[in-house]
PDB file of all heavy atoms in Angstrom:
ATOM      1  N   LYS A   1     -16.486  12.415 127.210  1.00  0.00           N
ATOM      2  CA  LYS A   1     -16.004  13.785 127.085  1.00  0.00           C
ATOM      3  C   LYS A   1     -15.081  13.926 125.860  1.00  0.00           C
ATOM      4  O   LYS A   1     -15.144  14.891 125.134  1.00  0.00           O
ATOM      5  CB  LYS A   1     -15.248  14.223 128.333  1.00  0.00           C
ATOM      6  CG  LYS A   1     -16.106  14.438 129.538  1.00  0.00           C
ATOM      7  CD  LYS A   1     -15.197  14.843 130.721  1.00  0.00           C
ATOM      8  CE  LYS A   1     -15.975  15.139 131.990  1.00  0.00           C
ATOM      9  NZ  LYS A   1     -15.032  15.472 133.081  1.00  0.00           N
ATOM     10  N   LYS A   2     -14.216  12.960 125.718  1.00  0.00           N
ATOM     11  CA  LYS A   2     -13.194  13.028 124.624  1.00  0.00           C
ATOM     12  C   LYS A   2     -13.776  12.775 123.260  1.00  0.00           C
ATOM     13  O   LYS A   2     -13.657  13.618 122.356  1.00  0.00           O
ATOM     14  CB  LYS A   2     -12.081  11.990 124.923  1.00  0.00           C
ATOM     15  CG  LYS A   2     -11.095  11.715 123.787  1.00  0.00           C
ATOM     16  CD  LYS A   2     -10.120  12.867 123.566  1.00  0.00           C
ATOM     17  CE  LYS A   2      -8.902  12.444 122.774  1.00  0.00           C
ATOM     18  NZ  LYS A   2      -9.157  11.995 121.386  1.00  0.00           N
ATOM     19  N   TYR A   3     -14.431  11.635 123.088  1.00  0.00           N
ATOM     20  CA  TYR A   3     -14.887  11.238 121.759  1.00  0.00           C
ATOM     21  C   TYR A   3     -16.123  12.032 121.301  1.00  0.00           C
ATOM     22  O   TYR A   3     -16.210  12.403 120.130  1.00  0.00           O
ATOM     23  CB  TYR A   3     -15.248   9.768 121.746  1.00  0.00           C
ATOM     24  CG  TYR A   3     -14.069   8.834 121.662  1.00  0.00           C
ATOM     25  CD1 TYR A   3     -13.959   7.741 122.571  1.00  0.00           C
ATOM     26  CD2 TYR A   3     -13.066   9.007 120.755  1.00  0.00           C
ATOM     27  CE1 TYR A   3     -12.879   6.864 122.537  1.00  0.00           C
ATOM     28  CE2 TYR A   3     -11.960   8.156 120.707  1.00  0.00           C
ATOM     29  CZ  TYR A   3     -11.865   7.080 121.608  1.00  0.00           C
ATOM     30  OH  TYR A   3     -10.809   6.272 121.561  1.00  0.00           O
ATOM     31  N   VAL A   4     -17.077  12.272 122.204  1.00  0.00           N
ATOM     32  CA  VAL A   4     -18.298  12.884 121.790  1.00  0.00           C
ATOM     33  C   VAL A   4     -18.171  14.404 121.653  1.00  0.00           C
ATOM     34  O   VAL A   4     -18.746  14.996 120.730  1.00  0.00           O
ATOM     35  CB  VAL A   4     -19.452  12.522 122.750  1.00  0.00           C
ATOM     36  CG1 VAL A   4     -20.755  13.198 122.339  1.00  0.00           C
ATOM     37  CG2 VAL A   4     -19.669  11.032 122.807  1.00  0.00           C
ATOM     38  N   ILE A   5     -17.369  14.989 122.530  1.00  0.00           N
ATOM     39  CA  ILE A   5     -17.302  16.518 122.528  1.00  0.00           C
ATOM     40  C   ILE A   5     -15.976  17.004 122.003  1.00  0.00           C
ATOM     41  O   ILE A   5     -15.906  17.712 120.979  1.00  0.00           O
ATOM     42  CB  ILE A   5     -17.606  17.075 123.927  1.00  0.00           C
ATOM     43  CG1 ILE A   5     -18.930  16.563 124.512  1.00  0.00           C
ATOM     44  CG2 ILE A   5     -17.651  18.603 123.860  1.00  0.00           C
ATOM     45  CD1 ILE A   5     -19.225  16.963 125.902  1.00  0.00           C
ATOM     46  N   ALA A   6     -14.871  16.688 122.693  1.00  0.00           N
ATOM     47  CA  ALA A   6     -13.585  17.264 122.332  1.00  0.00           C
ATOM     48  C   ALA A   6     -13.213  16.972 120.877  1.00  0.00           C
ATOM     49  O   ALA A   6     -12.780  17.888 120.135  1.00  0.00           O
ATOM     50  CB  ALA A   6     -12.492  16.793 123.310  1.00  0.00           C
ATOM     51  N   ASP A   7     -13.285  15.694 120.462  1.00  0.00           N
ATOM     52  CA  ASP A   7     -12.907  15.353 119.076  1.00  0.00           C
ATOM     53  C   ASP A   7     -13.831  15.993 118.052  1.00  0.00           C
ATOM     54  O   ASP A   7     -13.408  16.306 116.970  1.00  0.00           O
ATOM     55  CB  ASP A   7     -12.894  13.828 118.902  1.00  0.00           C
ATOM     56  CG  ASP A   7     -11.664  13.198 119.550  1.00  0.00           C
ATOM     57  OD1 ASP A   7     -10.786  13.925 120.029  1.00  0.00           O
ATOM     58  OD2 ASP A   7     -11.578  11.948 119.510  1.00  0.00           O
ATOM     59  N   ARG A   8     -15.099  16.177 118.436  1.00  0.00           N
ATOM     60  CA  ARG A   8     -16.041  16.771 117.492  1.00  0.00           C
ATOM     61  C   ARG A   8     -15.740  18.277 117.328  1.00  0.00           C
ATOM     62  O   ARG A   8     -16.000  18.857 116.281  1.00  0.00           O
ATOM     63  CB  ARG A   8     -17.478  16.593 117.996  1.00  0.00           C
ATOM     64  CG  ARG A   8     -18.528  17.072 117.077  1.00  0.00           C
ATOM     65  CD  ARG A   8     -19.939  16.613 117.471  1.00  0.00           C
ATOM     66  NE  ARG A   8     -20.338  15.429 116.702  1.00  0.00           N
ATOM     67  CZ  ARG A   8     -20.325  14.190 117.196  1.00  0.00           C
ATOM     68  NH1 ARG A   8     -20.010  13.961 118.448  1.00  0.00           N
ATOM     69  NH2 ARG A   8     -20.702  13.178 116.426  1.00  0.00           N
ATOM     70  N   LEU A   9     -15.167  18.898 118.340  1.00  0.00           N
ATOM     71  CA  LEU A   9     -14.831  20.302 118.272  1.00  0.00           C
ATOM     72  C   LEU A   9     -13.522  20.601 117.573  1.00  0.00           C
ATOM     73  O   LEU A   9     -13.249  21.723 117.199  1.00  0.00           O
ATOM     74  CB  LEU A   9     -14.769  20.867 119.724  1.00  0.00           C
ATOM     75  CG  LEU A   9     -16.068  21.145 120.455  1.00  0.00           C
ATOM     76  CD1 LEU A   9     -15.819  21.437 121.940  1.00  0.00           C
ATOM     77  CD2 LEU A   9     -16.824  22.268 119.765  1.00  0.00           C
ATOM     78  N   ASN A  10     -12.708  19.539 117.356  1.00  0.00           N
ATOM     79  CA  ASN A  10     -11.384  19.790 116.844  1.00  0.00           C
ATOM     80  C   ASN A  10     -11.329  20.434 115.490  1.00  0.00           C
ATOM     81  O   ASN A  10     -10.582  21.412 115.238  1.00  0.00           O
ATOM     82  CB  ASN A  10     -10.589  18.435 116.787  1.00  0.00           C
ATOM     83  CG  ASN A  10      -9.091  18.669 116.599  1.00  0.00           C
ATOM     84  OD1 ASN A  10      -8.557  19.725 116.905  1.00  0.00           O
ATOM     85  ND2 ASN A  10      -8.421  17.680 116.075  1.00  0.00           N
ATOM     86  N   ILE A  11     -12.154  20.012 114.533  1.00  0.00           N
ATOM     87  CA  ILE A  11     -12.149  20.535 113.182  1.00  0.00           C
ATOM     88  C   ILE A  11     -12.593  22.006 113.152  1.00  0.00           C
ATOM     89  O   ILE A  11     -11.887  22.869 112.627  1.00  0.00           O
ATOM     90  CB  ILE A  11     -12.963  19.684 112.208  1.00  0.00           C
ATOM     91  CG1 ILE A  11     -12.258  18.363 111.961  1.00  0.00           C
ATOM     92  CG2 ILE A  11     -13.207  20.405 110.900  1.00  0.00           C
ATOM     93  CD1 ILE A  11     -13.051  17.393 111.148  1.00  0.00           C
ATOM     94  N   PRO A  12     -13.754  22.377 113.751  1.00  0.00           N
ATOM     95  CA  PRO A  12     -14.174  23.789 113.724  1.00  0.00           C
ATOM     96  C   PRO A  12     -13.157  24.692 114.452  1.00  0.00           C
ATOM     97  O   PRO A  12     -12.933  25.806 113.968  1.00  0.00           O
ATOM     98  CB  PRO A  12     -15.536  23.780 114.428  1.00  0.00           C
ATOM     99  CG  PRO A  12     -15.657  22.486 115.095  1.00  0.00           C
ATOM    100  CD  PRO A  12     -14.848  21.529 114.300  1.00  0.00           C
ATOM    101  N   VAL A  13     -12.664  24.229 115.574  1.00  0.00           N
ATOM    102  CA  VAL A  13     -11.700  25.080 116.297  1.00  0.00           C
ATOM    103  C   VAL A  13     -10.429  25.307 115.453  1.00  0.00           C
ATOM    104  O   VAL A  13      -9.935  26.434 115.360  1.00  0.00           O
ATOM    105  CB  VAL A  13     -11.327  24.401 117.669  1.00  0.00           C
ATOM    106  CG1 VAL A  13     -10.055  25.008 118.285  1.00  0.00           C
ATOM    107  CG2 VAL A  13     -12.472  24.525 118.660  1.00  0.00           C
ATOM    108  N   THR A  14      -9.922  24.244 114.824  1.00  0.00           N
ATOM    109  CA  THR A  14      -8.745  24.395 113.960  1.00  0.00           C
ATOM    110  C   THR A  14      -8.999  25.335 112.832  1.00  0.00           C
ATOM    111  O   THR A  14      -8.154  26.185 112.477  1.00  0.00           O
ATOM    112  CB  THR A  14      -8.309  22.982 113.432  1.00  0.00           C
ATOM    113  OG1 THR A  14      -8.067  22.112 114.539  1.00  0.00           O
ATOM    114  CG2 THR A  14      -7.029  23.098 112.628  1.00  0.00           C
ATOM    115  N   LEU A  15     -10.156  25.217 112.221  1.00  0.00           N
ATOM    116  CA  LEU A  15     -10.488  26.115 111.098  1.00  0.00           C
ATOM    117  C   LEU A  15     -10.559  27.603 111.552  1.00  0.00           C
ATOM    118  O   LEU A  15     -10.048  28.462 110.861  1.00  0.00           O
ATOM    119  CB  LEU A  15     -11.851  25.746 110.460  1.00  0.00           C
ATOM    120  CG  LEU A  15     -11.820  24.517 109.556  1.00  0.00           C
ATOM    121  CD1 LEU A  15     -13.252  24.101 109.224  1.00  0.00           C
ATOM    122  CD2 LEU A  15     -11.047  24.802 108.293  1.00  0.00           C
ATOM    123  N   VAL A  16     -11.148  27.865 112.691  1.00  0.00           N
ATOM    124  CA  VAL A  16     -11.289  29.219 113.226  1.00  0.00           C
ATOM    125  C   VAL A  16      -9.904  29.819 113.481  1.00  0.00           C
ATOM    126  O   VAL A  16      -9.579  30.930 113.071  1.00  0.00           O
ATOM    127  CB  VAL A  16     -12.139  29.275 114.481  1.00  0.00           C
ATOM    128  CG1 VAL A  16     -11.988  30.628 115.201  1.00  0.00           C
ATOM    129  CG2 VAL A  16     -13.603  29.015 114.123  1.00  0.00           C
ATOM    130  N   PHE A  17      -9.045  29.047 114.152  1.00  0.00           N
ATOM    131  CA  PHE A  17      -7.721  29.607 114.548  1.00  0.00           C
ATOM    132  C   PHE A  17      -6.752  29.732 113.359  1.00  0.00           C
ATOM    133  O   PHE A  17      -5.836  30.550 113.386  1.00  0.00           O
ATOM    134  CB  PHE A  17      -7.118  28.738 115.687  1.00  0.00           C
ATOM    135  CG  PHE A  17      -7.638  29.130 117.036  1.00  0.00           C
ATOM    136  CD1 PHE A  17      -8.828  28.589 117.494  1.00  0.00           C
ATOM    137  CD2 PHE A  17      -6.966  30.051 117.818  1.00  0.00           C
ATOM    138  CE1 PHE A  17      -9.312  28.958 118.739  1.00  0.00           C
ATOM    139  CE2 PHE A  17      -7.457  30.433 119.058  1.00  0.00           C
ATOM    140  CZ  PHE A  17      -8.632  29.850 119.547  1.00  0.00           C
ATOM    141  N   THR A  18      -6.905  28.887 112.358  1.00  0.00           N
ATOM    142  CA  THR A  18      -5.951  28.941 111.217  1.00  0.00           C
ATOM    143  C   THR A  18      -6.428  29.918 110.142  1.00  0.00           C
ATOM    144  O   THR A  18      -5.631  30.402 109.340  1.00  0.00           O
ATOM    145  CB  THR A  18      -5.741  27.556 110.582  1.00  0.00           C
ATOM    146  OG1 THR A  18      -7.010  26.953 110.307  1.00  0.00           O
ATOM    147  CG2 THR A  18      -4.978  26.658 111.520  1.00  0.00           C
ATOM    148  N   ASN A  19      -7.775  30.245 110.134  1.00  0.00           N
ATOM    149  CA  ASN A  19      -8.298  31.141 109.122  1.00  0.00           C
ATOM    150  C   ASN A  19      -9.124  32.266 109.760  1.00  0.00           C
ATOM    151  O   ASN A  19     -10.173  32.644 109.274  1.00  0.00           O
ATOM    152  CB  ASN A  19      -9.178  30.368 108.128  1.00  0.00           C
ATOM    153  CG  ASN A  19      -8.478  29.212 107.466  1.00  0.00           C
ATOM    154  OD1 ASN A  19      -7.635  29.426 106.613  1.00  0.00           O
ATOM    155  ND2 ASN A  19      -8.828  28.024 107.891  1.00  0.00           N
ATOM    156  N   TYR A  20      -8.595  32.790 110.889  1.00  0.00           N
ATOM    157  CA  TYR A  20      -9.395  33.742 111.667  1.00  0.00           C
ATOM    158  C   TYR A  20      -9.755  35.027 110.887  1.00  0.00           C
ATOM    159  O   TYR A  20     -10.786  35.678 111.199  1.00  0.00           O
ATOM    160  CB  TYR A  20      -8.691  34.101 112.991  1.00  0.00           C
ATOM    161  CG  TYR A  20      -7.386  34.861 112.818  1.00  0.00           C
ATOM    162  CD1 TYR A  20      -7.352  36.244 112.867  1.00  0.00           C
ATOM    163  CD2 TYR A  20      -6.198  34.164 112.628  1.00  0.00           C
ATOM    164  CE1 TYR A  20      -6.166  36.909 112.693  1.00  0.00           C
ATOM    165  CE2 TYR A  20      -5.024  34.850 112.489  1.00  0.00           C
ATOM    166  CZ  TYR A  20      -5.004  36.229 112.516  1.00  0.00           C
ATOM    167  OH  TYR A  20      -3.814  36.902 112.365  1.00  0.00           O
ATOM    168  N   THR A  21      -8.966  35.386 109.879  1.00  0.00           N
ATOM    169  CA  THR A  21      -9.303  36.597 109.136  1.00  0.00           C
ATOM    170  C   THR A  21     -10.512  36.475 108.252  1.00  0.00           C
ATOM    171  O   THR A  21     -11.059  37.480 107.735  1.00  0.00           O
ATOM    172  CB  THR A  21      -8.091  37.028 108.251  1.00  0.00           C
ATOM    173  OG1 THR A  21      -7.738  35.928 107.434  1.00  0.00           O
ATOM    174  CG2 THR A  21      -6.861  37.402 109.107  1.00  0.00           C
ATOM    175  N   HIS A  22     -10.940  35.227 108.097  1.00  0.00           N
ATOM    176  CA  HIS A  22     -12.127  34.930 107.185  1.00  0.00           C
ATOM    177  C   HIS A  22     -13.459  34.936 107.899  1.00  0.00           C
ATOM    178  O   HIS A  22     -14.520  34.848 107.273  1.00  0.00           O
ATOM    179  CB  HIS A  22     -11.975  33.584 106.485  1.00  0.00           C
ATOM    180  CG  HIS A  22     -10.773  33.509 105.601  1.00  0.00           C
ATOM    181  ND1 HIS A  22     -10.270  32.286 105.120  1.00  0.00           N
ATOM    182  CD2 HIS A  22      -9.937  34.450 105.175  1.00  0.00           C
ATOM    183  CE1 HIS A  22      -9.231  32.551 104.390  1.00  0.00           C
ATOM    184  NE2 HIS A  22      -8.981  33.827 104.372  1.00  0.00           N
ATOM    185  N   TYR A  23     -13.414  35.127 109.266  1.00  0.00           N
ATOM    186  CA  TYR A  23     -14.666  34.966 110.029  1.00  0.00           C
ATOM    187  C   TYR A  23     -15.000  36.246 110.786  1.00  0.00           C
ATOM    188  O   TYR A  23     -14.117  37.038 111.107  1.00  0.00           O
ATOM    189  CB  TYR A  23     -14.547  33.818 111.002  1.00  0.00           C
ATOM    190  CG  TYR A  23     -14.262  32.488 110.297  1.00  0.00           C
ATOM    191  CD1 TYR A  23     -13.071  31.818 110.455  1.00  0.00           C
ATOM    192  CD2 TYR A  23     -15.253  31.881 109.498  1.00  0.00           C
ATOM    193  CE1 TYR A  23     -12.814  30.602 109.825  1.00  0.00           C
ATOM    194  CE2 TYR A  23     -15.011  30.656 108.881  1.00  0.00           C
ATOM    195  CZ  TYR A  23     -13.797  30.063 109.043  1.00  0.00           C
ATOM    196  OH  TYR A  23     -13.520  28.860 108.403  1.00  0.00           O
ATOM    197  N   HIS A  24     -16.309  36.396 111.074  1.00  0.00           N
ATOM    198  CA  HIS A  24     -16.792  37.493 111.855  1.00  0.00           C
ATOM    199  C   HIS A  24     -16.524  37.266 113.341  1.00  0.00           C
ATOM    200  O   HIS A  24     -16.256  36.128 113.772  1.00  0.00           O
ATOM    201  CB  HIS A  24     -18.293  37.752 111.629  1.00  0.00           C
ATOM    202  CG  HIS A  24     -18.600  38.202 110.266  1.00  0.00           C
ATOM    203  ND1 HIS A  24     -19.058  37.353 109.270  1.00  0.00           N
ATOM    204  CD2 HIS A  24     -18.504  39.436 109.666  1.00  0.00           C
ATOM    205  CE1 HIS A  24     -19.257  38.024 108.136  1.00  0.00           C
ATOM    206  NE2 HIS A  24     -18.919  39.317 108.336  1.00  0.00           N
ATOM    207  N   GLY A  25     -16.679  38.314 114.133  1.00  0.00           N
ATOM    208  CA  GLY A  25     -16.339  38.277 115.571  1.00  0.00           C
ATOM    209  C   GLY A  25     -17.157  37.205 116.312  1.00  0.00           C
ATOM    210  O   GLY A  25     -16.649  36.578 117.233  1.00  0.00           O
ATOM    211  N   GLY A  26     -18.450  37.056 115.970  1.00  0.00           N
ATOM    212  CA  GLY A  26     -19.239  36.056 116.640  1.00  0.00           C
ATOM    213  C   GLY A  26     -18.740  34.667 116.484  1.00  0.00           C
ATOM    214  O   GLY A  26     -18.709  33.881 117.400  1.00  0.00           O
ATOM    215  N   THR A  27     -18.284  34.356 115.265  1.00  0.00           N
ATOM    216  CA  THR A  27     -17.723  33.020 114.963  1.00  0.00           C
ATOM    217  C   THR A  27     -16.368  32.872 115.722  1.00  0.00           C
ATOM    218  O   THR A  27     -16.083  31.805 116.236  1.00  0.00           O
ATOM    219  CB  THR A  27     -17.497  32.841 113.461  1.00  0.00           C
ATOM    220  OG1 THR A  27     -18.735  33.127 112.774  1.00  0.00           O
ATOM    221  CG2 THR A  27     -17.046  31.451 113.131  1.00  0.00           C
ATOM    222  N   LEU A  28     -15.563  33.927 115.764  1.00  0.00           N
ATOM    223  CA  LEU A  28     -14.292  33.878 116.503  1.00  0.00           C
ATOM    224  C   LEU A  28     -14.562  33.644 118.012  1.00  0.00           C
ATOM    225  O   LEU A  28     -13.848  32.859 118.645  1.00  0.00           O
ATOM    226  CB  LEU A  28     -13.522  35.168 116.319  1.00  0.00           C
ATOM    227  CG  LEU A  28     -13.016  35.452 114.886  1.00  0.00           C
ATOM    228  CD1 LEU A  28     -12.176  36.740 114.860  1.00  0.00           C
ATOM    229  CD2 LEU A  28     -12.218  34.299 114.300  1.00  0.00           C
ATOM    230  N   PHE A  29     -15.623  34.300 118.556  1.00  0.00           N
ATOM    231  CA  PHE A  29     -15.932  34.064 119.938  1.00  0.00           C
ATOM    232  C   PHE A  29     -16.341  32.620 120.176  1.00  0.00           C
ATOM    233  O   PHE A  29     -15.934  32.009 121.188  1.00  0.00           O
ATOM    234  CB  PHE A  29     -17.051  35.005 120.367  1.00  0.00           C
ATOM    235  CG  PHE A  29     -17.392  34.874 121.847  1.00  0.00           C
ATOM    236  CD1 PHE A  29     -16.581  35.464 122.818  1.00  0.00           C
ATOM    237  CD2 PHE A  29     -18.498  34.139 122.256  1.00  0.00           C
ATOM    238  CE1 PHE A  29     -16.893  35.341 124.158  1.00  0.00           C
ATOM    239  CE2 PHE A  29     -18.771  33.987 123.581  1.00  0.00           C
ATOM    240  CZ  PHE A  29     -17.989  34.582 124.544  1.00  0.00           C
ATOM    241  N   LEU A  30     -17.117  32.044 119.238  1.00  0.00           N
ATOM    242  CA  LEU A  30     -17.490  30.631 119.349  1.00  0.00           C
ATOM    243  C   LEU A  30     -16.242  29.754 119.249  1.00  0.00           C
ATOM    244  O   LEU A  30     -16.197  28.701 119.909  1.00  0.00           O
ATOM    245  CB  LEU A  30     -18.496  30.270 118.268  1.00  0.00           C
ATOM    246  CG  LEU A  30     -19.967  30.673 118.486  1.00  0.00           C
ATOM    247  CD1 LEU A  30     -20.807  30.292 117.287  1.00  0.00           C
ATOM    248  CD2 LEU A  30     -20.516  30.123 119.782  1.00  0.00           C
ATOM    249  N   GLY A  31     -15.279  30.182 118.460  1.00  0.00           N
ATOM    250  CA  GLY A  31     -14.014  29.439 118.379  1.00  0.00           C
ATOM    251  C   GLY A  31     -13.255  29.455 119.689  1.00  0.00           C
ATOM    252  O   GLY A  31     -12.712  28.420 120.082  1.00  0.00           O
ATOM    253  N   MET A  32     -13.262  30.643 120.358  1.00  0.00           N
ATOM    254  CA  MET A  32     -12.608  30.715 121.704  1.00  0.00           C
ATOM    255  C   MET A  32     -13.353  29.769 122.678  1.00  0.00           C
ATOM    256  O   MET A  32     -12.715  29.003 123.418  1.00  0.00           O
ATOM    257  CB  MET A  32     -12.706  32.112 122.233  1.00  0.00           C
ATOM    258  CG  MET A  32     -11.966  33.191 121.500  1.00  0.00           C
ATOM    259  SD  MET A  32     -12.215  34.775 122.331  1.00  0.00           S
ATOM    260  CE  MET A  32     -11.963  35.894 120.974  1.00  0.00           C
ATOM    261  N   PHE A  33     -14.661  29.884 122.668  1.00  0.00           N
ATOM    262  CA  PHE A  33     -15.479  29.016 123.552  1.00  0.00           C
ATOM    263  C   PHE A  33     -15.212  27.544 123.221  1.00  0.00           C
ATOM    264  O   PHE A  33     -14.984  26.749 124.135  1.00  0.00           O
ATOM    265  CB  PHE A  33     -16.940  29.353 123.386  1.00  0.00           C
ATOM    266  CG  PHE A  33     -17.899  28.345 124.001  1.00  0.00           C
ATOM    267  CD1 PHE A  33     -18.101  28.324 125.372  1.00  0.00           C
ATOM    268  CD2 PHE A  33     -18.546  27.407 123.210  1.00  0.00           C
ATOM    269  CE1 PHE A  33     -18.953  27.386 125.916  1.00  0.00           C
ATOM    270  CE2 PHE A  33     -19.433  26.497 123.743  1.00  0.00           C
ATOM    271  CZ  PHE A  33     -19.591  26.457 125.123  1.00  0.00           C
ATOM    272  N   GLY A  34     -15.204  27.215 121.919  1.00  0.00           N
ATOM    273  CA  GLY A  34     -15.012  25.820 121.514  1.00  0.00           C
ATOM    274  C   GLY A  34     -13.653  25.332 121.922  1.00  0.00           C
ATOM    275  O   GLY A  34     -13.543  24.130 122.397  1.00  0.00           O
ATOM    276  N   TYR A  35     -12.615  26.145 121.750  1.00  0.00           N
ATOM    277  CA  TYR A  35     -11.271  25.660 122.157  1.00  0.00           C
ATOM    278  C   TYR A  35     -11.195  25.446 123.661  1.00  0.00           C
ATOM    279  O   TYR A  35     -10.603  24.467 124.125  1.00  0.00           O
ATOM    280  CB  TYR A  35     -10.218  26.669 121.738  1.00  0.00           C
ATOM    281  CG  TYR A  35      -8.817  26.207 122.190  1.00  0.00           C
ATOM    282  CD1 TYR A  35      -8.236  25.074 121.643  1.00  0.00           C
ATOM    283  CD2 TYR A  35      -8.158  26.847 123.233  1.00  0.00           C
ATOM    284  CE1 TYR A  35      -7.023  24.587 122.079  1.00  0.00           C
ATOM    285  CE2 TYR A  35      -6.944  26.373 123.700  1.00  0.00           C
ATOM    286  CZ  TYR A  35      -6.364  25.243 123.097  1.00  0.00           C
ATOM    287  OH  TYR A  35      -5.167  24.789 123.560  1.00  0.00           O
ATOM    288  N   THR A  36     -11.765  26.351 124.458  1.00  0.00           N
ATOM    289  CA  THR A  36     -11.750  26.186 125.916  1.00  0.00           C
ATOM    290  C   THR A  36     -12.473  24.926 126.302  1.00  0.00           C
ATOM    291  O   THR A  36     -11.988  24.179 127.183  1.00  0.00           O
ATOM    292  CB  THR A  36     -12.426  27.424 126.583  1.00  0.00           C
ATOM    293  OG1 THR A  36     -11.774  28.599 126.178  1.00  0.00           O
ATOM    294  CG2 THR A  36     -12.307  27.320 128.087  1.00  0.00           C
ATOM    295  N   MET A  37     -13.607  24.624 125.706  1.00  0.00           N
ATOM    296  CA  MET A  37     -14.358  23.421 126.007  1.00  0.00           C
ATOM    297  C   MET A  37     -13.558  22.185 125.541  1.00  0.00           C
ATOM    298  O   MET A  37     -13.507  21.188 126.262  1.00  0.00           O
ATOM    299  CB  MET A  37     -15.729  23.425 125.312  1.00  0.00           C
ATOM    300  CG  MET A  37     -16.703  24.434 125.886  1.00  0.00           C
ATOM    301  SD  MET A  37     -17.100  24.157 127.668  1.00  0.00           S
ATOM    302  CE  MET A  37     -16.112  25.455 128.417  1.00  0.00           C
ATOM    303  N   MET A  38     -12.949  22.294 124.371  1.00  0.00           N
ATOM    304  CA  MET A  38     -12.139  21.172 123.838  1.00  0.00           C
ATOM    305  C   MET A  38     -10.992  20.872 124.776  1.00  0.00           C
ATOM    306  O   MET A  38     -10.721  19.705 125.135  1.00  0.00           O
ATOM    307  CB  MET A  38     -11.618  21.493 122.459  1.00  0.00           C
ATOM    308  CG  MET A  38     -10.935  20.378 121.741  1.00  0.00           C
ATOM    309  SD  MET A  38     -10.399  20.850 120.067  1.00  0.00           S
ATOM    310  CE  MET A  38      -8.790  21.558 120.463  1.00  0.00           C
ATOM    311  N   LEU A  39     -10.261  21.922 125.203  1.00  0.00           N
ATOM    312  CA  LEU A  39      -9.149  21.750 126.110  1.00  0.00           C
ATOM    313  C   LEU A  39      -9.621  21.135 127.417  1.00  0.00           C
ATOM    314  O   LEU A  39      -9.004  20.165 127.930  1.00  0.00           O
ATOM    315  CB  LEU A  39      -8.485  23.126 126.354  1.00  0.00           C
ATOM    316  CG  LEU A  39      -7.303  23.164 127.286  1.00  0.00           C
ATOM    317  CD1 LEU A  39      -6.111  22.471 126.621  1.00  0.00           C
ATOM    318  CD2 LEU A  39      -6.916  24.588 127.629  1.00  0.00           C
TER     319      LEU A  39
END
């Protein structure tokens, strides 16, 4: 769970949350989903 999924999600989730003004709503929703799964 940690190495294969959570760690793989860390970079995209970080990019979405730190640069949210650069992305469309669909990508932001995937960021929300990704963060919830990562957590």
